[in-house]
Protein backbone atom coordinates (compact mmCIF):
# COMPACT_ATOMS: atom_id res chain seq x y z
CA MET A 1 -14.19 27.45 -7.32
CA LYS A 2 -12.15 26.95 -4.41
CA VAL A 3 -11.20 23.40 -3.43
CA LEU A 4 -9.97 21.84 -0.36
CA ILE A 5 -8.41 18.19 -0.32
CA LEU A 6 -8.16 16.38 2.96
CA GLY A 7 -4.88 13.92 2.93
CA SER A 8 -1.03 14.05 2.68
CA GLY A 9 -0.21 11.14 0.16
CA GLY A 10 0.21 10.15 -3.38
CA ARG A 11 -3.57 9.86 -3.91
CA GLU A 12 -3.84 13.48 -2.78
CA HIS A 13 -0.95 14.76 -4.86
CA ALA A 14 -2.50 13.05 -7.95
CA MET A 15 -5.79 14.53 -7.32
CA ALA A 16 -3.87 18.23 -6.79
CA TRP A 17 -2.24 17.60 -9.78
CA LYS A 18 -5.24 16.97 -11.83
CA LEU A 19 -7.58 19.76 -10.17
CA ALA A 20 -4.48 22.37 -10.70
CA GLN A 21 -5.20 21.76 -14.70
CA SER A 22 -8.63 22.84 -14.35
CA SER A 23 -9.91 26.34 -16.03
CA MET A 24 -12.53 26.37 -13.17
CA LEU A 25 -10.27 26.31 -10.23
CA HIS A 26 -9.87 29.62 -8.38
CA GLU A 27 -7.97 28.26 -5.36
CA LEU A 28 -6.29 24.88 -4.03
CA TYR A 29 -5.77 23.72 -0.59
CA VAL A 30 -4.48 20.44 0.69
CA ALA A 31 -4.70 19.65 4.26
CA PRO A 32 -1.88 18.76 5.43
CA GLY A 33 -0.63 17.80 2.09
CA ASN A 34 3.06 16.95 1.45
CA ALA A 35 6.07 18.78 -0.41
CA GLY A 36 4.56 18.00 -3.62
CA THR A 37 0.94 19.33 -3.00
CA ALA A 38 2.94 22.72 -1.98
CA SER A 39 3.79 23.31 -5.39
CA LEU A 40 0.26 23.14 -6.43
CA GLY A 41 -1.50 24.97 -3.80
CA LYS A 42 -1.55 25.76 -0.30
CA ASN A 43 -0.83 23.36 2.45
CA VAL A 44 -2.77 23.81 5.43
CA ALA A 45 -2.12 22.25 9.12
CA LEU A 46 -5.32 20.74 9.61
CA ASP A 47 -5.88 17.37 10.75
CA PRO A 48 -8.23 15.41 8.19
CA LEU A 49 -10.35 14.05 11.30
CA ASP A 50 -10.37 17.45 12.94
CA PHE A 51 -14.08 18.31 11.52
CA ASP A 52 -14.38 21.32 13.66
CA GLY A 53 -11.25 22.82 12.19
CA ILE A 54 -12.16 21.84 8.64
CA ALA A 55 -15.59 23.60 8.84
CA ASP A 56 -13.95 26.90 10.17
CA PHE A 57 -11.53 26.79 7.43
CA VAL A 58 -14.25 26.15 4.94
CA LYS A 59 -16.20 29.04 6.37
CA ALA A 60 -13.34 31.25 6.45
CA GLN A 61 -11.90 30.63 2.86
CA ASN A 62 -15.78 29.90 1.37
CA ILE A 63 -14.60 26.60 0.27
CA ASN A 64 -16.93 25.31 -2.74
CA ILE A 65 -15.79 21.57 -3.05
CA LEU A 66 -14.11 19.35 -0.08
CA VAL A 67 -12.53 16.36 -1.62
CA VAL A 68 -11.95 13.63 1.14
CA GLY A 69 -8.90 11.51 0.16
CA PRO A 70 -8.45 8.83 2.88
CA GLU A 71 -11.10 6.52 4.61
CA ALA A 72 -11.05 7.43 7.84
CA PRO A 73 -12.61 10.71 7.78
CA LEU A 74 -15.52 9.14 5.63
CA VAL A 75 -16.07 6.13 8.06
CA GLU A 76 -16.32 8.73 11.11
CA GLY A 77 -18.81 10.75 8.97
CA ILE A 78 -17.60 13.85 7.63
CA GLN A 79 -20.21 14.01 4.83
CA ASP A 80 -22.89 13.60 7.62
CA TYR A 81 -21.21 16.57 9.90
CA PHE A 82 -21.41 18.81 6.87
CA THR A 83 -24.80 17.86 5.54
CA GLU A 84 -26.25 18.35 9.18
CA ARG A 85 -25.28 21.91 9.44
CA GLU A 86 -27.22 24.63 7.31
CA GLU A 87 -24.00 26.95 7.33
CA LEU A 88 -21.84 24.48 5.61
CA SER A 89 -24.61 24.13 2.80
CA PHE A 90 -22.54 25.64 0.03
CA CYS A 91 -19.63 23.33 0.23
CA THR A 92 -20.23 20.02 -1.45
CA VAL A 93 -18.50 16.95 0.12
CA ILE A 94 -16.83 14.64 -2.50
CA GLY A 95 -17.04 11.28 -0.47
CA PRO A 96 -19.82 9.02 0.77
CA ASN A 97 -21.89 9.54 4.21
CA LYS A 98 -21.16 7.51 7.25
CA LYS A 99 -23.37 4.82 6.43
CA ALA A 100 -22.52 4.32 2.77
CA ALA A 101 -18.73 4.30 4.20
CA GLN A 102 -19.58 1.06 5.64
CA LEU A 103 -18.92 -0.43 2.46
CA GLU A 104 -15.35 -0.11 3.37
CA GLY A 105 -15.59 0.24 7.11
CA SER A 106 -17.37 -2.92 7.97
CA LYS A 107 -16.85 -6.16 5.78
CA ASP A 108 -19.68 -8.11 7.34
CA PHE A 109 -21.89 -4.77 5.88
CA SER A 110 -20.43 -5.12 2.85
CA LYS A 111 -20.93 -8.56 2.47
CA GLN A 112 -24.81 -8.31 3.66
CA PHE A 113 -24.99 -5.65 0.91
CA MET A 114 -23.69 -7.83 -1.76
CA GLN A 115 -25.84 -10.64 -0.90
CA ARG A 116 -28.79 -8.77 -0.80
CA HIS A 117 -28.36 -7.29 -4.37
CA ASN A 118 -26.96 -10.54 -5.84
CA ILE A 119 -23.78 -9.09 -6.39
CA PRO A 120 -21.07 -11.94 -7.07
CA THR A 121 -18.78 -12.46 -4.28
CA ALA A 122 -17.04 -15.43 -2.32
CA LYS A 123 -19.28 -17.39 0.10
CA TYR A 124 -18.74 -16.42 3.57
CA GLY A 125 -19.62 -16.34 7.47
CA SER A 126 -19.37 -13.66 9.94
CA PHE A 127 -18.21 -14.57 13.82
CA THR A 128 -17.89 -12.68 17.05
CA LYS A 129 -16.30 -13.87 20.36
CA SER A 130 -19.47 -15.42 21.39
CA SER A 131 -19.52 -17.39 18.08
CA LEU A 132 -16.01 -18.41 18.12
CA SER A 133 -17.05 -22.16 18.30
CA GLN A 134 -19.30 -21.70 15.23
CA GLY A 135 -16.34 -20.22 13.59
CA LYS A 136 -14.21 -23.05 14.03
CA THR A 137 -16.99 -25.33 12.66
CA PHE A 138 -17.37 -23.19 9.58
CA LEU A 139 -13.70 -23.50 8.91
CA LYS A 140 -13.70 -27.25 9.40
CA ASN A 141 -16.46 -27.25 6.56
CA MET A 142 -14.22 -25.22 3.97
CA LYS A 143 -11.40 -26.00 1.83
CA ALA A 144 -7.86 -24.47 2.63
CA PRO A 145 -6.63 -21.98 2.14
CA TYR A 146 -8.68 -19.94 4.65
CA VAL A 147 -9.53 -16.43 4.44
CA LEU A 148 -10.08 -14.43 7.69
CA LYS A 149 -10.75 -10.51 7.46
CA ALA A 150 -10.88 -8.46 10.51
CA ASP A 151 -14.80 -6.48 10.04
CA GLY A 152 -13.19 -2.87 10.58
CA LEU A 153 -10.26 -0.89 9.33
CA ALA A 154 -7.31 -2.50 10.16
CA ALA A 155 -4.88 -0.22 8.04
CA GLY A 156 -4.66 -2.91 5.14
CA LYS A 157 -3.21 -5.57 7.64
CA GLY A 158 -6.65 -7.15 8.72
CA VAL A 159 -6.69 -9.94 6.10
CA LEU A 160 -4.82 -13.22 6.83
CA ILE A 161 -4.84 -16.47 4.18
CA ILE A 162 -3.66 -19.37 6.01
CA ASP A 163 -3.32 -22.83 4.44
CA ASN A 164 -3.40 -24.95 7.58
CA LEU A 165 -6.51 -25.59 9.55
CA ALA A 166 -5.12 -25.79 13.08
CA GLU A 167 -3.36 -22.08 12.19
CA ALA A 168 -6.44 -20.88 10.98
CA GLU A 169 -8.30 -21.72 14.02
CA LYS A 170 -5.63 -20.16 16.27
CA ALA A 171 -5.51 -16.88 13.96
CA LEU A 172 -9.49 -16.70 14.56
CA GLU A 173 -9.26 -17.00 18.08
CA GLU A 174 -6.31 -14.36 17.97
CA MET A 175 -8.27 -12.05 16.48
CA LEU A 176 -11.59 -12.50 18.51
CA VAL A 177 -10.39 -13.49 21.88
CA ASN A 178 -6.82 -11.77 22.17
CA SER A 179 -7.55 -8.70 20.05
CA LYS A 180 -4.96 -9.18 17.44
CA PHE A 181 -6.51 -6.24 15.22
CA GLY A 182 -8.33 -4.31 18.08
CA ASP A 183 -11.74 -3.12 17.81
CA ALA A 184 -11.39 -3.74 13.88
CA GLY A 185 -11.08 -7.65 14.86
CA LYS A 186 -14.31 -7.86 17.26
CA LYS A 187 -16.04 -9.38 14.29
CA VAL A 188 -14.44 -11.63 11.65
CA VAL A 189 -15.30 -12.63 8.23
CA ILE A 190 -14.24 -16.22 7.02
CA GLU A 191 -14.67 -16.14 3.39
CA GLU A 192 -14.14 -18.86 0.62
CA PHE A 193 -10.68 -18.62 -1.19
CA LEU A 194 -11.18 -17.43 -4.74
CA LYS A 195 -7.99 -18.38 -7.12
CA GLY A 196 -7.83 -15.78 -10.02
CA ILE A 197 -6.25 -12.63 -10.88
CA GLU A 198 -7.22 -9.22 -9.49
CA VAL A 199 -7.95 -5.66 -10.93
CA SER A 200 -9.35 -2.87 -9.36
CA MET A 201 -12.12 -0.49 -10.94
CA PHE A 202 -13.36 2.78 -9.96
CA VAL A 203 -16.65 5.10 -10.28
CA LEU A 204 -17.33 8.43 -9.40
CA THR A 205 -21.17 8.64 -8.64
CA ASP A 206 -23.89 11.24 -7.45
CA GLY A 207 -26.04 8.39 -6.38
CA THR A 208 -28.02 7.70 -9.10
CA SER A 209 -25.67 8.22 -12.36
CA PHE A 210 -22.11 7.09 -12.56
CA LYS A 211 -18.95 7.62 -14.52
CA ILE A 212 -16.55 4.24 -14.83
CA LEU A 213 -12.85 5.51 -14.55
CA PRO A 214 -10.01 3.60 -16.13
CA GLU A 215 -9.24 0.13 -14.45
CA ALA A 216 -5.80 -0.56 -12.80
CA LYS A 217 -3.67 -3.46 -11.19
CA ASP A 218 -1.58 -2.71 -8.01
CA TYR A 219 1.29 -4.67 -6.62
CA LYS A 220 0.63 -5.23 -2.59
CA ARG A 221 3.55 -7.30 -1.54
CA ILE A 222 6.84 -5.80 -0.69
CA GLY A 223 9.02 -8.22 -2.84
CA GLU A 224 9.50 -9.06 -6.38
CA GLY A 225 7.40 -11.77 -7.58
CA ASP A 226 4.58 -10.60 -5.16
CA THR A 227 6.41 -12.16 -2.05
CA GLY A 228 7.04 -10.75 1.47
CA LEU A 229 4.92 -8.70 3.59
CA ASN A 230 1.91 -7.02 2.40
CA THR A 231 2.16 -2.84 1.86
CA GLY A 232 -0.27 -0.27 1.03
CA GLY A 233 0.76 -0.59 -2.50
CA MET A 234 4.21 -0.86 -4.29
CA GLY A 235 3.08 0.18 -7.89
CA ALA A 236 -0.07 -0.03 -10.33
CA VAL A 237 -0.60 -0.33 -14.28
CA SER A 238 -3.30 1.21 -16.14
CA PRO A 239 -5.11 -0.14 -18.52
CA VAL A 240 -4.76 -3.81 -17.50
CA SER A 241 -4.50 -6.41 -20.45
CA PHE A 242 -6.79 -8.83 -19.47
CA VAL A 243 -9.67 -6.49 -18.95
CA ASN A 244 -11.42 -7.06 -22.23
CA GLN A 245 -14.79 -5.65 -23.44
CA GLU A 246 -16.60 -8.87 -22.50
CA PHE A 247 -15.35 -8.77 -19.17
CA MET A 248 -15.84 -4.89 -18.56
CA GLU A 249 -19.75 -5.67 -19.58
CA LYS A 250 -20.22 -8.08 -16.73
CA VAL A 251 -18.53 -6.01 -14.57
CA LYS A 252 -20.84 -3.07 -15.34
CA ASN A 253 -24.10 -5.30 -15.65
CA GLN A 254 -23.43 -7.83 -12.68
CA ILE A 255 -21.52 -5.42 -10.08
CA ILE A 256 -21.39 -1.74 -10.77
CA ILE A 257 -25.05 -0.91 -11.79
CA PRO A 258 -26.18 -3.26 -8.93
CA THR A 259 -24.30 -1.46 -6.58
CA VAL A 260 -25.09 1.87 -7.64
CA LYS A 261 -29.02 0.86 -7.44
CA GLY A 262 -28.67 -1.39 -4.62
CA LEU A 263 -27.47 1.70 -2.43
CA LYS A 264 -30.25 3.84 -3.64
CA LYS A 265 -32.63 1.01 -2.94
CA ASP A 266 -31.60 0.90 0.84
CA GLY A 267 -32.07 4.40 1.25
CA ILE A 268 -28.19 5.09 1.51
CA HIS A 269 -27.14 8.48 -0.34
CA TYR A 270 -23.64 8.09 -2.12
CA GLN A 271 -21.90 10.93 -3.68
CA GLY A 272 -18.18 10.45 -4.50
CA PHE A 273 -15.67 7.51 -5.37
CA ILE A 274 -16.47 3.68 -5.31
CA PHE A 275 -13.54 1.38 -5.33
CA PHE A 276 -14.21 -2.24 -6.58
CA GLY A 277 -11.27 -4.65 -5.67
CA LEU A 278 -12.24 -7.43 -8.20
CA ILE A 279 -11.01 -10.76 -8.94
CA LYS A 280 -11.39 -12.64 -12.47
CA VAL A 281 -12.01 -16.13 -11.56
CA GLY A 282 -12.34 -17.83 -15.38
CA GLY A 283 -14.02 -15.07 -17.18
CA ASP A 284 -16.06 -13.80 -14.42
CA PRO A 285 -15.85 -10.82 -11.79
CA TYR A 286 -16.24 -11.10 -8.06
CA VAL A 287 -16.12 -8.58 -5.65
CA ILE A 288 -13.23 -8.86 -2.93
CA GLU A 289 -13.79 -5.58 -1.39
CA TYR A 290 -15.28 -2.43 -1.62
CA ASN A 291 -13.46 1.05 -0.81
CA CYS A 292 -15.19 4.48 -0.14
CA ARG A 293 -12.39 6.28 -1.90
CA MET A 294 -9.69 6.00 -4.60
CA GLY A 295 -7.14 3.25 -4.12
CA ASP A 296 -3.47 4.62 -3.63
CA PRO A 297 -1.32 4.02 -5.74
CA GLU A 298 -3.79 3.44 -8.43
CA THR A 299 -4.81 7.20 -8.27
CA GLU A 300 -1.23 7.84 -9.70
CA VAL A 301 -2.23 5.85 -12.75
CA VAL A 302 -6.06 6.46 -13.37
CA LEU A 303 -5.86 9.92 -13.08
CA PRO A 304 -3.12 10.72 -15.65
CA ARG A 305 -5.26 8.89 -18.10
CA LEU A 306 -8.29 10.95 -17.45
CA LYS A 307 -8.44 13.70 -20.28
CA SER A 308 -11.37 14.98 -19.06
CA ASP A 309 -11.62 17.71 -16.31
CA LEU A 310 -11.88 16.31 -12.73
CA LEU A 311 -13.19 19.60 -11.29
CA HIS A 312 -16.15 19.58 -13.68
CA TYR A 313 -17.17 16.11 -12.67
CA PHE A 314 -17.23 17.46 -8.89
CA GLU A 315 -19.21 20.29 -10.14
CA GLY A 316 -21.56 17.85 -11.76
CA ILE A 317 -21.88 15.92 -8.29
CA ALA A 318 -22.86 19.38 -6.63
CA THR A 319 -25.37 20.52 -9.14
CA GLY A 320 -27.02 17.28 -10.18
CA THR A 321 -25.47 17.49 -13.54
CA LEU A 322 -22.88 14.33 -13.50
CA SER A 323 -25.07 12.52 -16.18
CA GLU A 324 -24.12 15.22 -18.68
CA CYS A 325 -20.34 14.97 -18.26
CA ASP A 326 -18.36 13.74 -21.09
CA LEU A 327 -15.74 11.27 -20.11
CA GLU A 328 -12.55 11.18 -22.26
CA ILE A 329 -9.44 8.46 -21.58
CA ASP A 330 -6.07 8.54 -22.90
CA PRO A 331 -5.51 5.39 -24.74
CA ARG A 332 -1.83 5.13 -23.44
CA THR A 333 -0.69 2.93 -20.74
CA ALA A 334 0.45 4.48 -17.33
CA SER A 335 2.53 2.78 -14.70
CA THR A 336 3.71 3.80 -11.22
CA VAL A 337 6.51 2.47 -9.13
CA ILE A 338 6.63 3.44 -5.42
CA ALA A 339 9.99 4.38 -3.84
CA ALA A 340 9.76 3.27 -0.37
CA SER A 341 11.76 4.00 2.95
CA GLY A 342 14.34 1.09 3.77
CA GLY A 343 12.45 -1.23 6.46
CA TYR A 344 9.18 -0.62 5.18
CA PRO A 345 6.59 -1.98 5.67
CA GLU A 346 7.91 -2.38 9.16
CA ASN A 347 10.16 0.05 11.12
CA TYR A 348 11.83 2.71 9.14
CA GLU A 349 13.42 6.02 9.69
CA LYS A 350 12.21 9.49 8.39
CA GLY A 351 13.77 12.98 7.54
CA LYS A 352 16.44 11.56 4.67
CA THR A 353 17.00 13.93 2.02
CA ILE A 354 15.64 13.39 -1.38
CA GLU A 355 18.06 14.14 -4.37
CA GLY A 356 17.27 14.32 -7.88
CA LEU A 357 13.81 15.35 -8.07
CA ASN A 358 14.39 18.10 -10.48
CA GLN A 359 14.93 15.84 -13.86
CA PRO A 360 12.00 13.61 -14.46
CA ILE A 361 12.03 12.07 -17.84
CA LYS A 362 9.72 13.33 -20.23
CA GLY A 363 6.56 11.47 -20.20
CA SER A 364 6.80 10.73 -16.31
CA ILE A 365 5.57 12.72 -13.36
CA VAL A 366 6.88 12.35 -9.76
CA PHE A 367 4.08 12.24 -7.12
CA HIS A 368 4.99 12.77 -3.49
CA ALA A 369 3.57 10.42 -1.01
CA GLY A 370 5.46 10.77 2.28
CA THR A 371 7.47 13.96 1.77
CA ALA A 372 8.04 16.81 4.09
CA LEU A 373 9.89 20.41 3.61
CA ASN A 374 12.53 21.30 5.93
CA GLU A 375 15.67 23.26 6.35
CA LYS A 376 17.58 20.35 4.20
CA GLY A 377 14.86 20.73 1.42
CA ILE A 378 12.55 17.92 0.55
CA VAL A 379 12.75 15.03 2.88
CA THR A 380 11.14 11.37 3.60
CA ASN A 381 8.24 11.44 5.90
CA GLY A 382 6.26 8.14 5.46
CA GLY A 383 6.88 4.31 4.40
CA ARG A 384 5.91 4.99 0.81
CA VAL A 385 7.59 8.26 -0.38
CA LEU A 386 7.24 8.75 -4.14
CA ALA A 387 5.41 7.42 -6.62
CA VAL A 388 6.94 7.64 -9.91
CA THR A 389 4.14 7.56 -13.02
CA GLY A 390 5.36 7.12 -16.66
CA LEU A 391 3.07 7.31 -19.50
CA GLY A 392 3.58 5.38 -22.72
CA ALA A 393 2.35 3.21 -25.77
CA ASP A 394 2.59 -0.17 -23.67
CA VAL A 395 3.44 -1.45 -20.32
CA GLU A 396 7.04 -1.92 -21.15
CA SER A 397 7.37 1.96 -22.45
CA ALA A 398 5.42 3.47 -19.42
CA THR A 399 7.75 1.30 -17.04
CA ASN A 400 10.91 2.22 -18.88
CA LYS A 401 9.96 6.00 -18.17
CA SER A 402 9.25 5.42 -14.46
CA TYR A 403 12.38 3.28 -13.88
CA GLY A 404 14.45 5.93 -15.90
CA THR A 405 12.80 8.70 -13.74
CA LEU A 406 13.53 6.77 -10.58
CA SER A 407 17.12 6.02 -11.36
CA GLU A 408 17.93 9.81 -11.08
CA ILE A 409 16.33 10.02 -7.72
CA SER A 410 18.02 8.84 -4.55
CA PHE A 411 17.62 9.04 -0.55
CA ASP A 412 19.06 6.92 2.01
CA GLY A 413 17.58 3.47 2.06
CA MET A 414 15.55 3.79 -0.88
CA TYR A 415 13.96 0.71 -2.20
CA TYR A 416 11.37 -0.14 -4.83
CA ARG A 417 10.58 -3.06 -6.95
CA LYS A 418 11.87 -3.63 -10.38
CA ASP A 419 9.20 -6.21 -11.47
CA ILE A 420 5.97 -3.91 -11.79
CA GLY A 421 3.95 -4.86 -14.91
CA LYS A 422 6.28 -7.71 -15.95
CA ASP A 423 3.38 -10.22 -15.03
CA LEU A 424 1.10 -8.06 -17.53
CA LEU A 425 4.04 -8.55 -20.51
CA LYS A 426 3.89 -12.37 -19.78
CA GLU A 427 -0.05 -12.17 -20.05
CA LYS A 428 0.29 -10.59 -23.37
CA VAL A 429 2.83 -13.01 -24.65
CA LYS A 430 0.41 -15.90 -23.58
CA SER A 431 -2.57 -14.11 -25.26
């Protein structure tokens, strides 16, 4: 089979790494890819939002499977673009259509969906510029802290958690009146604050059947001890110690099954990955958010634990036989630690030469996130540069491999958190 992956981050490198292991794979392309994906397939200079250019390439190369990594092409309707064109019917898109992608593209859409299908989530209200006063009244009737979310895609920066009512009212006004988050903040969802511990769940579905992939916990903030600014993610661990069988059954029966059935009931065809951002409150799961694709850096710990052939699943979606595919998971723990550019998530420089990439410790994998190739060799090309994944018997041995490999890698300004997974070690001691 011929496969084209859209994207250029660690998630796409991990997907390329996994697909390259398949005996079913004939040719692999990544658009635009990075320095890491270049060693697994062929990088193609295509913009993931250039649907015409992608379609021309798919036809020219006779691509069987198009895997959409990032959310933007899905929210913009790449699945619909392919479905509506008979001449592209030979290519299966792994990713939902435009309406289904609103689960991620619109917080209000996803909240209404959850309410309609009795899926547990925080209480909420949605407000626009014209209903600003009602939004402020809604805030007054809630308890601190106050959660404000821009309705649309805001590059992971559209969520504010504020302890003070006056500050929350001011922030709401800045979002709705002063366009703090641009078009993404034309509508704002105000949510009840839920206190608990977060976990990410993932399924791959053809719209009827589904496969539950390993769960993961990611670390969003730039500083150790979960301090400082939010980032795209500074590390992840899988499995997660507090996800026991009882909790998993609740997730499956109260969230995953109602989501897949709810989409079908609403007449929304969904094929691809669904990311469930969950919070465990007491012993119960609540949905914080949906994503219409795999998370990053969670993919870098989920796929290394997947023993099954990922391309076999994609073929199952293409042929309607996903339910017949077996799922085999590696029982070992995977951890990944992000090496970031100095200054990230604010201003940072690119083009720094990366040294020490050729000596990963046995049991570790270096996934490229923001890298490029030039005359100097492999250089930095983003805020999150590398995701170093370790596999071990437990969190400690897995993270030791990640950090051991990271200690051999260097580039000017390199920064990484040194506490990934430590909270799970404390959790284990408590239990």
